[in-house]
Amino acid sequence: MAIFHIELCGMMTQNCVLFTMIAEQAKKYKITVLGNCCTSVSPVIHAVALKGLSRITNVI
């Protein structure tokens, strides 16, 4: 079974989620970030990270 689409979530939106999204290996997949399933040390940092991610992928 081939995988073409990944729904991504995790802790530390500005670090782990962002760097997983921009990793070279991720480029072969369509990735959607599940914003409500991610978190960070503060709501502001989380919001800024999601805003940045929305420029390069779908964030829901």
N, C-alpha and C. Protein backbone atom coordinates (compact mmCIF):
# COMPACT_ATOMS: atom_id res chain seq x y z
N MET A 1 0.84 -1.17 0.00
CA MET A 1 0.00 0.00 0.00
C MET A 1 0.90 1.24 0.00
N ALA A 2 0.71 2.09 -0.97
CA ALA A 2 1.50 3.32 -1.07
C ALA A 2 0.87 4.42 -0.23
N ILE A 3 1.71 5.23 0.35
CA ILE A 3 1.25 6.37 1.15
C ILE A 3 1.58 7.64 0.39
N PHE A 4 0.56 8.49 0.19
CA PHE A 4 0.73 9.73 -0.54
C PHE A 4 0.42 10.96 0.29
N HIS A 5 -0.38 10.80 1.34
CA HIS A 5 -0.83 11.93 2.14
C HIS A 5 -0.58 11.64 3.62
N ILE A 6 -0.03 12.61 4.33
CA ILE A 6 0.24 12.47 5.76
C ILE A 6 -0.46 13.61 6.49
N GLU A 7 -1.14 13.27 7.57
CA GLU A 7 -1.72 14.28 8.46
C GLU A 7 -0.77 14.39 9.65
N LEU A 8 -0.21 15.56 9.85
CA LEU A 8 0.87 15.78 10.80
C LEU A 8 0.39 16.54 12.03
N CYS A 9 0.81 16.09 13.20
CA CYS A 9 0.51 16.79 14.44
C CYS A 9 1.63 16.49 15.43
N GLY A 10 1.67 17.23 16.54
CA GLY A 10 2.67 16.95 17.55
C GLY A 10 2.89 18.10 18.50
N MET A 11 3.83 17.87 19.39
CA MET A 11 4.20 18.86 20.40
C MET A 11 5.21 19.84 19.80
N MET A 12 5.28 21.01 20.39
CA MET A 12 6.25 22.03 19.98
C MET A 12 6.11 22.38 18.50
N THR A 13 4.99 22.96 18.16
CA THR A 13 4.65 23.30 16.78
C THR A 13 5.80 24.00 16.07
N GLN A 14 6.46 24.93 16.74
CA GLN A 14 7.51 25.72 16.11
C GLN A 14 8.80 24.94 15.90
N ASN A 15 8.94 23.78 16.50
CA ASN A 15 10.16 22.97 16.33
C ASN A 15 9.86 21.67 15.62
N CYS A 16 9.33 20.71 16.35
CA CYS A 16 9.14 19.35 15.83
C CYS A 16 8.23 19.31 14.61
N VAL A 17 7.09 19.95 14.70
CA VAL A 17 6.13 19.90 13.59
C VAL A 17 6.70 20.64 12.38
N LEU A 18 7.22 21.82 12.59
CA LEU A 18 7.78 22.60 11.48
C LEU A 18 8.93 21.88 10.80
N PHE A 19 9.88 21.37 11.56
CA PHE A 19 11.05 20.73 10.95
C PHE A 19 10.73 19.38 10.33
N THR A 20 9.71 18.69 10.83
CA THR A 20 9.25 17.48 10.16
C THR A 20 8.64 17.84 8.82
N MET A 21 7.88 18.92 8.78
CA MET A 21 7.23 19.37 7.56
C MET A 21 8.23 19.76 6.48
N ILE A 22 9.32 20.41 6.86
CA ILE A 22 10.27 20.89 5.85
C ILE A 22 11.42 19.92 5.59
N ALA A 23 11.41 18.77 6.23
CA ALA A 23 12.46 17.77 6.01
C ALA A 23 12.46 17.31 4.56
N GLU A 24 13.62 16.99 4.05
CA GLU A 24 13.76 16.53 2.67
C GLU A 24 12.87 15.32 2.39
N GLN A 25 12.76 14.40 3.34
CA GLN A 25 11.96 13.20 3.15
C GLN A 25 10.47 13.51 3.02
N ALA A 26 10.02 14.63 3.57
CA ALA A 26 8.60 14.99 3.54
C ALA A 26 8.16 15.51 2.18
N LYS A 27 9.09 15.89 1.35
CA LYS A 27 8.74 16.51 0.07
C LYS A 27 8.00 15.59 -0.88
N LYS A 28 8.08 14.28 -0.66
CA LYS A 28 7.40 13.35 -1.57
C LYS A 28 5.95 13.08 -1.17
N TYR A 29 5.48 13.72 -0.11
CA TYR A 29 4.11 13.51 0.38
C TYR A 29 3.31 14.81 0.35
N LYS A 30 2.00 14.66 0.24
CA LYS A 30 1.10 15.78 0.48
C LYS A 30 0.86 15.77 1.98
N ILE A 31 1.15 16.87 2.65
CA ILE A 31 1.05 16.92 4.11
C ILE A 31 0.03 17.96 4.53
N THR A 32 -0.82 17.56 5.46
CA THR A 32 -1.77 18.46 6.10
C THR A 32 -1.41 18.52 7.57
N VAL A 33 -1.27 19.72 8.10
CA VAL A 33 -1.00 19.90 9.53
C VAL A 33 -2.33 20.06 10.25
N LEU A 34 -2.54 19.26 11.28
CA LEU A 34 -3.76 19.33 12.09
C LEU A 34 -3.50 20.30 13.23
N GLY A 35 -3.84 21.56 13.01
CA GLY A 35 -3.51 22.62 13.95
C GLY A 35 -4.04 22.42 15.35
N ASN A 36 -5.26 21.89 15.48
CA ASN A 36 -5.84 21.67 16.81
C ASN A 36 -5.24 20.47 17.53
N CYS A 37 -4.42 19.71 16.84
CA CYS A 37 -3.76 18.55 17.45
C CYS A 37 -2.29 18.83 17.73
N CYS A 38 -1.88 20.07 17.61
CA CYS A 38 -0.52 20.50 17.90
C CYS A 38 -0.55 21.44 19.10
N THR A 39 0.60 21.65 19.70
CA THR A 39 0.68 22.59 20.82
C THR A 39 2.09 23.15 20.91
N SER A 40 2.25 24.13 21.76
CA SER A 40 3.55 24.75 21.99
C SER A 40 3.59 25.27 23.42
N VAL A 41 4.69 25.96 23.76
CA VAL A 41 4.84 26.47 25.12
C VAL A 41 3.92 27.65 25.40
N SER A 42 3.43 28.30 24.34
CA SER A 42 2.48 29.40 24.53
C SER A 42 1.56 29.48 23.32
N PRO A 43 0.36 29.99 23.52
CA PRO A 43 -0.58 30.14 22.40
C PRO A 43 -0.04 31.05 21.29
N VAL A 44 0.72 32.06 21.65
CA VAL A 44 1.26 33.00 20.65
C VAL A 44 2.27 32.29 19.76
N ILE A 45 3.20 31.56 20.36
CA ILE A 45 4.20 30.83 19.57
C ILE A 45 3.52 29.80 18.67
N HIS A 46 2.53 29.12 19.20
CA HIS A 46 1.77 28.13 18.42
C HIS A 46 1.10 28.80 17.22
N ALA A 47 0.45 29.93 17.45
CA ALA A 47 -0.25 30.64 16.37
C ALA A 47 0.71 31.12 15.29
N VAL A 48 1.86 31.64 15.71
CA VAL A 48 2.86 32.11 14.74
C VAL A 48 3.39 30.95 13.91
N ALA A 49 3.65 29.82 14.56
CA ALA A 49 4.14 28.64 13.84
C ALA A 49 3.11 28.14 12.84
N LEU A 50 1.85 28.09 13.23
CA LEU A 50 0.80 27.65 12.31
C LEU A 50 0.65 28.61 11.14
N LYS A 51 0.79 29.90 11.39
CA LYS A 51 0.72 30.90 10.31
C LYS A 51 1.84 30.66 9.30
N GLY A 52 3.04 30.41 9.81
CA GLY A 52 4.17 30.12 8.92
C GLY A 52 3.97 28.83 8.15
N LEU A 53 3.49 27.80 8.82
CA LEU A 53 3.23 26.53 8.16
C LEU A 53 2.17 26.67 7.08
N SER A 54 1.19 27.53 7.30
CA SER A 54 0.11 27.69 6.32
C SER A 54 0.60 28.29 5.01
N ARG A 55 1.78 28.85 5.01
CA ARG A 55 2.36 29.39 3.77
C ARG A 55 2.93 28.29 2.88
N ILE A 56 3.21 27.12 3.49
CA ILE A 56 3.85 26.05 2.71
C ILE A 56 3.01 24.78 2.62
N THR A 57 1.95 24.68 3.41
CA THR A 57 1.10 23.48 3.37
C THR A 57 -0.29 23.82 3.88
N ASN A 58 -1.17 22.86 3.76
CA ASN A 58 -2.54 23.02 4.25
C ASN A 58 -2.56 22.83 5.76
N VAL A 59 -3.12 23.79 6.49
CA VAL A 59 -3.27 23.70 7.95
C VAL A 59 -4.77 23.75 8.24
N ILE A 60 -5.24 22.73 8.94
CA ILE A 60 -6.67 22.72 9.30
C ILE A 60 -6.82 22.66 10.80
